[in-house]
Amino acid sequence: MYKDLTFSDDDYLIDELRDLGYDMDDDELGSLDFRDPDYGDYNEDAPDIILDVPYVPSDEKIVYAMLDLAQVNSQDILYDLGCGDGRIVVAAAMERNTRGVGIDIDPMRITEAIEYAGHSGVEHLTHFFEGDLLDVDFSDATVVTLYLLDLVNLELRPRLLDELRPGTRIVSHAFDMGDWKADQRQSCGSINIYQWIVPAKVAGTWEWLSTDGNTYRVELKQKYQRVTGKVWINDQSAQLSRALLQADLLELIIKPENSNQHVRFLMRCEPRQWTAAEGDTLTAPAVKILTS
């Protein structure tokens, strides 16, 4: 896949690709063969190994900035998609005692990563294997790290949103996710690092009874972490002053009609119900009555 990628000459990766030994004289790079120029063991009789992205390793400073931005700790399971020589997974294991999995389509890089983990004494915390990023299972990750291309990020985006649990942190070196805006962006020299937190799915119509004796109903629309909608109290229209979603935590601030008072709900979102995250404002979980 992605054999038709083209770049403009002002793309900042061009210099890095030249350093790796690719011939960058042509303006059109769509036919560029992203086989590793340092790997001399490609057999002409074996199927070509065409890489989704050129191998450009992350600088050590970037690696640690990515781990810091994701707040990686010993309780995490980190997946590095397109792991190269395994430096992010190994750094997380060495510095944070984090279990990690590295996946790459290039068998040479997987061999290097396994050797690197062994030399670093963290082979018990790491696992590396060859695979296609669009097919592998990464659903048990709590952190996902990426240094791919923007088109590859966009191809992965639906799987990241659908298969990762709410609250999973995704960190990308240099490339964003299109119209899925990052929750955080950090500059590291001239390079941007992006972080997203996978949001719960809350679109639909939900209803609950509150301790104030009122029945609340909300009809929500969702685009990534952005939530908008309408609200009713006892079947009377009210104002949804605020809807803030982060991971599986949803804050709703509702203003009844003809009132200056606001009612606040903070709920933990599950696929079919919401439960009170703090206080005792719900007499029972909010339940989903219609799917958007």
Protein backbone atom coordinates (compact mmCIF):
# COMPACT_ATOMS: atom_id res chain seq x y z
CA MET A 1 0.00 0.00 0.00
CA TYR A 2 0.92 3.69 -0.36
CA LYS A 3 3.10 3.04 -3.40
CA ASP A 4 1.56 6.14 -5.03
CA LEU A 5 2.70 8.60 -2.39
CA THR A 6 4.13 11.85 -3.72
CA PHE A 7 6.01 14.59 -1.92
CA SER A 8 6.84 18.15 -2.78
CA ASP A 9 10.43 19.33 -2.69
CA ASP A 10 9.72 21.47 0.35
CA ASP A 11 8.66 18.47 2.41
CA TYR A 12 10.94 18.38 5.43
CA LEU A 13 11.47 14.63 5.04
CA ILE A 14 13.33 15.12 1.76
CA ASP A 15 16.64 15.95 3.44
CA GLU A 16 16.31 12.96 5.74
CA LEU A 17 15.60 10.69 2.77
CA ARG A 18 18.65 12.03 0.93
CA ASP A 19 20.74 11.24 4.01
CA LEU A 20 19.45 7.68 3.87
CA GLY A 21 20.76 7.23 0.34
CA TYR A 22 17.66 7.72 -1.79
CA ASP A 23 18.03 9.55 -5.11
CA MET A 24 15.99 12.71 -4.67
CA ASP A 25 16.76 14.39 -8.01
CA ASP A 26 13.27 13.73 -9.37
CA ASP A 27 10.47 16.03 -8.29
CA GLU A 28 8.00 13.15 -8.45
CA LEU A 29 8.62 10.50 -5.80
CA GLY A 30 5.53 8.37 -6.40
CA SER A 31 7.55 5.45 -7.77
CA LEU A 32 10.15 5.56 -5.02
CA ASP A 33 11.06 2.14 -3.69
CA PHE A 34 11.22 2.40 0.09
CA ARG A 35 13.41 -0.65 0.59
CA ASP A 36 15.99 -0.03 3.26
CA PRO A 37 19.24 0.91 1.47
CA ASP A 38 21.26 -0.44 4.41
CA TYR A 39 19.70 -3.88 4.16
CA GLY A 40 21.74 -5.89 1.67
CA ASP A 41 20.01 -9.24 2.18
CA TYR A 42 17.01 -8.75 -0.09
CA ASN A 43 16.79 -11.81 -2.31
CA GLU A 44 15.85 -11.12 -5.91
CA ASP A 45 13.89 -14.38 -5.97
CA ALA A 46 11.93 -13.43 -2.83
CA PRO A 47 8.96 -11.03 -2.81
CA ASP A 48 10.03 -7.39 -2.59
CA ILE A 49 9.66 -5.79 0.83
CA ILE A 50 8.17 -2.38 0.11
CA LEU A 51 7.89 -0.23 3.17
CA ASP A 52 4.85 1.93 3.89
CA VAL A 53 7.12 4.76 5.00
CA PRO A 54 10.86 5.40 4.72
CA TYR A 55 12.87 4.44 7.77
CA VAL A 56 13.80 7.68 9.53
CA PRO A 57 14.46 7.00 13.23
CA SER A 58 13.27 9.41 15.89
CA ASP A 59 15.93 11.44 17.63
CA GLU A 60 16.53 10.48 21.27
CA LYS A 61 15.23 13.85 22.44
CA ILE A 62 12.01 13.27 20.48
CA VAL A 63 11.64 9.77 21.92
CA TYR A 64 11.69 11.03 25.50
CA ALA A 65 9.44 13.96 24.66
CA MET A 66 6.88 11.51 23.26
CA LEU A 67 7.03 9.37 26.39
CA ASP A 68 6.64 12.47 28.57
CA LEU A 69 3.71 13.81 26.57
CA ALA A 70 1.89 10.48 26.89
CA GLN A 71 2.83 10.27 30.60
CA VAL A 72 3.97 6.69 30.07
CA ASN A 73 4.34 4.68 33.28
CA SER A 74 4.84 1.13 34.52
CA GLN A 75 1.12 0.35 34.32
CA ASP A 76 0.94 1.04 30.58
CA ILE A 77 1.10 -1.25 27.58
CA LEU A 78 2.79 0.69 24.79
CA TYR A 79 2.46 -0.22 21.11
CA ASP A 80 4.85 1.42 18.65
CA LEU A 81 3.39 1.09 15.16
CA GLY A 82 6.26 1.20 12.68
CA CYS A 83 8.79 0.60 15.44
CA GLY A 84 11.96 0.60 13.32
CA ASP A 85 14.89 -0.41 15.52
CA GLY A 86 12.68 -0.46 18.64
CA ARG A 87 14.10 2.62 20.33
CA ILE A 88 10.77 3.92 21.69
CA VAL A 89 9.72 0.55 23.13
CA VAL A 90 13.17 -0.04 24.61
CA ALA A 91 13.36 3.47 26.10
CA ALA A 92 9.95 3.03 27.74
CA ALA A 93 11.01 -0.31 29.19
CA MET A 94 14.36 0.96 30.47
CA GLU A 95 13.22 4.30 31.87
CA ARG A 96 9.60 3.59 32.89
CA ASN A 97 9.46 -0.19 33.36
CA THR A 98 6.74 -0.23 30.70
CA ARG A 99 5.70 -3.31 28.77
CA GLY A 100 5.88 -2.63 25.06
CA VAL A 101 5.15 -4.14 21.66
CA GLY A 102 6.84 -3.01 18.47
CA ILE A 103 5.45 -3.79 15.01
CA ASP A 104 7.16 -3.15 11.70
CA ILE A 105 6.78 -4.45 8.16
CA ASP A 106 10.57 -4.67 7.67
CA PRO A 107 12.07 -7.93 9.05
CA MET A 108 15.53 -6.37 9.24
CA ARG A 109 14.27 -3.72 11.66
CA ILE A 110 12.51 -6.32 13.79
CA THR A 111 15.79 -8.23 14.06
CA GLU A 112 17.57 -5.04 15.11
CA ALA A 113 14.88 -4.24 17.67
CA ILE A 114 15.05 -7.69 19.27
CA GLU A 115 18.84 -7.46 19.49
CA TYR A 116 18.66 -3.94 20.92
CA ALA A 117 16.19 -5.01 23.61
CA GLY A 118 18.43 -7.95 24.50
CA HIS A 119 21.55 -5.80 24.74
CA SER A 120 19.60 -3.32 26.90
CA GLY A 121 18.38 -6.04 29.26
CA VAL A 122 14.67 -5.42 28.71
CA GLU A 123 13.73 -8.37 26.52
CA HIS A 124 11.36 -9.56 29.28
CA LEU A 125 9.32 -6.37 28.89
CA THR A 126 9.32 -6.12 25.10
CA HIS A 127 7.96 -8.01 22.14
CA PHE A 128 8.64 -7.26 18.48
CA PHE A 129 7.11 -8.81 15.40
CA GLU A 130 6.73 -8.25 11.69
CA GLY A 131 3.26 -7.21 10.57
CA ASP A 132 1.06 -4.90 8.54
CA LEU A 133 -0.14 -1.99 10.70
CA LEU A 134 -3.58 -2.11 9.09
CA ASP A 135 -4.11 -5.73 10.11
CA VAL A 136 -2.45 -6.28 13.49
CA ASP A 137 -4.39 -6.31 16.76
CA PHE A 138 -3.38 -3.45 19.07
CA SER A 139 -6.59 -3.26 21.10
CA ASP A 140 -4.92 -3.91 24.47
CA ALA A 141 -2.68 -0.83 24.15
CA THR A 142 -2.97 2.01 26.64
CA VAL A 143 -0.43 4.09 24.68
CA VAL A 144 0.22 4.06 20.93
CA THR A 145 3.22 5.81 19.39
CA LEU A 146 3.56 6.69 15.70
CA TYR A 147 6.15 8.10 13.34
CA LEU A 148 4.54 7.39 10.02
CA LEU A 149 3.20 9.63 7.26
CA ASP A 150 0.04 11.72 7.39
CA LEU A 151 -1.72 9.46 4.87
CA VAL A 152 -0.84 6.38 6.91
CA ASN A 153 -2.13 8.09 10.06
CA LEU A 154 -5.41 8.79 8.25
CA GLU A 155 -5.65 5.18 7.14
CA LEU A 156 -5.12 4.01 10.72
CA ARG A 157 -7.47 6.59 12.28
CA PRO A 158 -10.72 4.59 12.05
CA ARG A 159 -9.11 1.57 13.72
CA LEU A 160 -7.57 3.70 16.46
CA LEU A 161 -10.96 5.23 17.26
CA ASP A 162 -12.95 1.99 17.05
CA GLU A 163 -10.60 -0.57 18.57
CA LEU A 164 -8.74 1.27 21.31
CA ARG A 165 -10.36 1.75 24.70
CA PRO A 166 -11.47 5.25 25.71
CA GLY A 167 -8.59 6.98 27.47
CA THR A 168 -5.87 5.39 25.36
CA ARG A 169 -3.21 7.97 24.51
CA ILE A 170 -1.89 8.26 20.96
CA VAL A 171 1.30 10.23 20.30
CA SER A 172 2.60 11.03 16.83
CA HIS A 173 5.98 12.40 15.85
CA ALA A 174 5.53 15.16 13.24
CA PHE A 175 2.28 14.02 11.57
CA ASP A 176 -1.28 14.81 12.60
CA MET A 177 -4.65 13.06 12.06
CA GLY A 178 -6.36 15.40 9.65
CA ASP A 179 -9.57 16.85 11.08
CA TRP A 180 -9.21 14.87 14.31
CA LYS A 181 -7.56 17.72 16.19
CA ALA A 182 -4.95 16.82 18.77
CA ASP A 183 -5.75 17.24 22.46
CA GLN A 184 -2.19 18.49 22.94
CA ARG A 185 0.58 19.69 20.64
CA GLN A 186 4.12 20.21 21.81
CA SER A 187 7.08 21.66 19.95
CA CYS A 188 10.42 19.94 20.23
CA GLY A 189 12.81 22.20 18.36
CA SER A 190 11.32 22.55 14.89
CA ILE A 191 9.26 19.34 15.20
CA ASN A 192 5.69 19.08 16.48
CA ILE A 193 4.54 16.17 18.61
CA TYR A 194 0.81 15.49 18.83
CA GLN A 195 -1.27 13.69 21.43
CA TRP A 196 -4.85 12.45 21.19
CA ILE A 197 -6.94 10.77 23.87
CA VAL A 198 -9.38 8.23 22.45
CA PRO A 199 -12.91 9.43 23.33
CA ALA A 200 -15.85 7.29 24.40
CA LYS A 201 -18.73 7.02 21.95
CA VAL A 202 -21.60 9.09 23.34
CA ALA A 203 -23.69 10.00 20.28
CA GLY A 204 -27.36 9.14 20.63
CA THR A 205 -30.26 9.85 22.97
CA TRP A 206 -29.81 9.26 26.70
CA GLU A 207 -32.20 9.57 29.63
CA TRP A 208 -31.87 9.51 33.41
CA LEU A 209 -33.62 10.45 36.64
CA SER A 210 -31.80 12.83 38.95
CA THR A 211 -31.98 13.23 42.70
CA ASP A 212 -33.81 16.52 42.18
CA GLY A 213 -36.74 14.44 40.93
CA ASN A 214 -36.42 15.56 37.32
CA THR A 215 -36.06 13.39 34.25
CA TYR A 216 -33.29 14.52 31.91
CA ARG A 217 -32.97 13.57 28.26
CA VAL A 218 -30.11 14.57 25.98
CA GLU A 219 -29.68 14.06 22.26
CA LEU A 220 -25.99 14.22 21.42
CA LYS A 221 -23.98 14.43 18.23
CA GLN A 222 -20.29 13.66 18.28
CA LYS A 223 -17.27 14.27 16.08
CA TYR A 224 -14.22 12.80 17.77
CA GLN A 225 -13.99 14.49 21.21
CA ARG A 226 -16.34 17.35 20.26
CA VAL A 227 -19.91 16.92 21.51
CA THR A 228 -22.99 19.05 20.76
CA GLY A 229 -26.66 18.44 21.34
CA LYS A 230 -30.04 19.26 22.81
CA VAL A 231 -31.51 18.66 26.26
CA TRP A 232 -34.95 18.36 27.82
CA ILE A 233 -36.01 18.38 31.48
CA ASN A 234 -39.34 16.63 32.07
CA ASP A 235 -39.96 16.92 28.32
CA GLN A 236 -39.42 20.70 28.45
CA SER A 237 -36.65 22.15 26.31
CA ALA A 238 -33.60 23.39 28.23
CA GLN A 239 -30.15 24.71 27.34
CA LEU A 240 -27.05 22.54 27.07
CA SER A 241 -24.50 25.10 28.20
CA ARG A 242 -21.51 22.79 28.12
CA ALA A 243 -20.64 19.31 26.90
CA LEU A 244 -17.03 18.32 27.49
CA LEU A 245 -15.75 14.83 26.71
CA GLN A 246 -12.33 13.54 27.67
CA ALA A 247 -11.67 9.82 27.41
CA ASP A 248 -14.71 8.20 29.07
CA LEU A 249 -15.56 11.20 31.25
CA LEU A 250 -18.43 13.43 30.11
CA GLU A 251 -19.34 16.72 31.77
CA LEU A 252 -22.76 18.20 31.02
CA ILE A 253 -23.89 21.59 32.30
CA ILE A 254 -27.59 22.19 31.79
CA LYS A 255 -29.57 25.39 32.28
CA PRO A 256 -33.34 24.97 32.81
CA GLU A 257 -35.57 27.32 30.88
CA ASN A 258 -36.48 30.52 32.77
CA SER A 259 -33.79 29.87 35.38
CA ASN A 260 -30.35 31.29 36.12
CA GLN A 261 -29.27 28.13 37.89
CA HIS A 262 -27.19 25.46 36.20
CA VAL A 263 -27.18 21.73 36.88
CA ARG A 264 -23.91 19.86 36.43
CA PHE A 265 -23.48 16.17 35.72
CA LEU A 266 -20.15 14.38 35.54
CA MET A 267 -20.57 10.90 34.15
CA ARG A 268 -18.44 7.88 33.38
CA CYS A 269 -19.45 6.64 29.93
CA GLU A 270 -19.92 2.99 29.04
CA PRO A 271 -21.36 1.71 25.75
CA ARG A 272 -24.95 1.38 27.01
CA GLN A 273 -25.04 3.44 30.19
CA TRP A 274 -23.50 6.39 32.04
CA THR A 275 -22.81 6.30 35.75
CA ALA A 276 -22.16 9.17 38.14
CA ALA A 277 -18.42 9.90 38.29
CA GLU A 278 -18.74 12.04 41.40
CA GLY A 279 -21.44 12.93 43.91
CA ASP A 280 -24.91 11.40 43.87
CA THR A 281 -26.76 13.37 41.21
CA LEU A 282 -28.11 10.31 39.40
CA THR A 283 -30.58 8.01 41.15
CA ALA A 284 -29.75 5.36 38.51
CA PRO A 285 -27.41 5.16 35.52
CA ALA A 286 -28.32 7.12 32.42
CA VAL A 287 -29.42 4.70 29.73
CA LYS A 288 -29.23 4.94 25.97
CA ILE A 289 -32.69 4.94 24.44
CA LEU A 290 -31.83 5.78 20.82
CA THR A 291 -28.70 5.43 18.72
CA SER A 292 -27.60 8.40 16.67
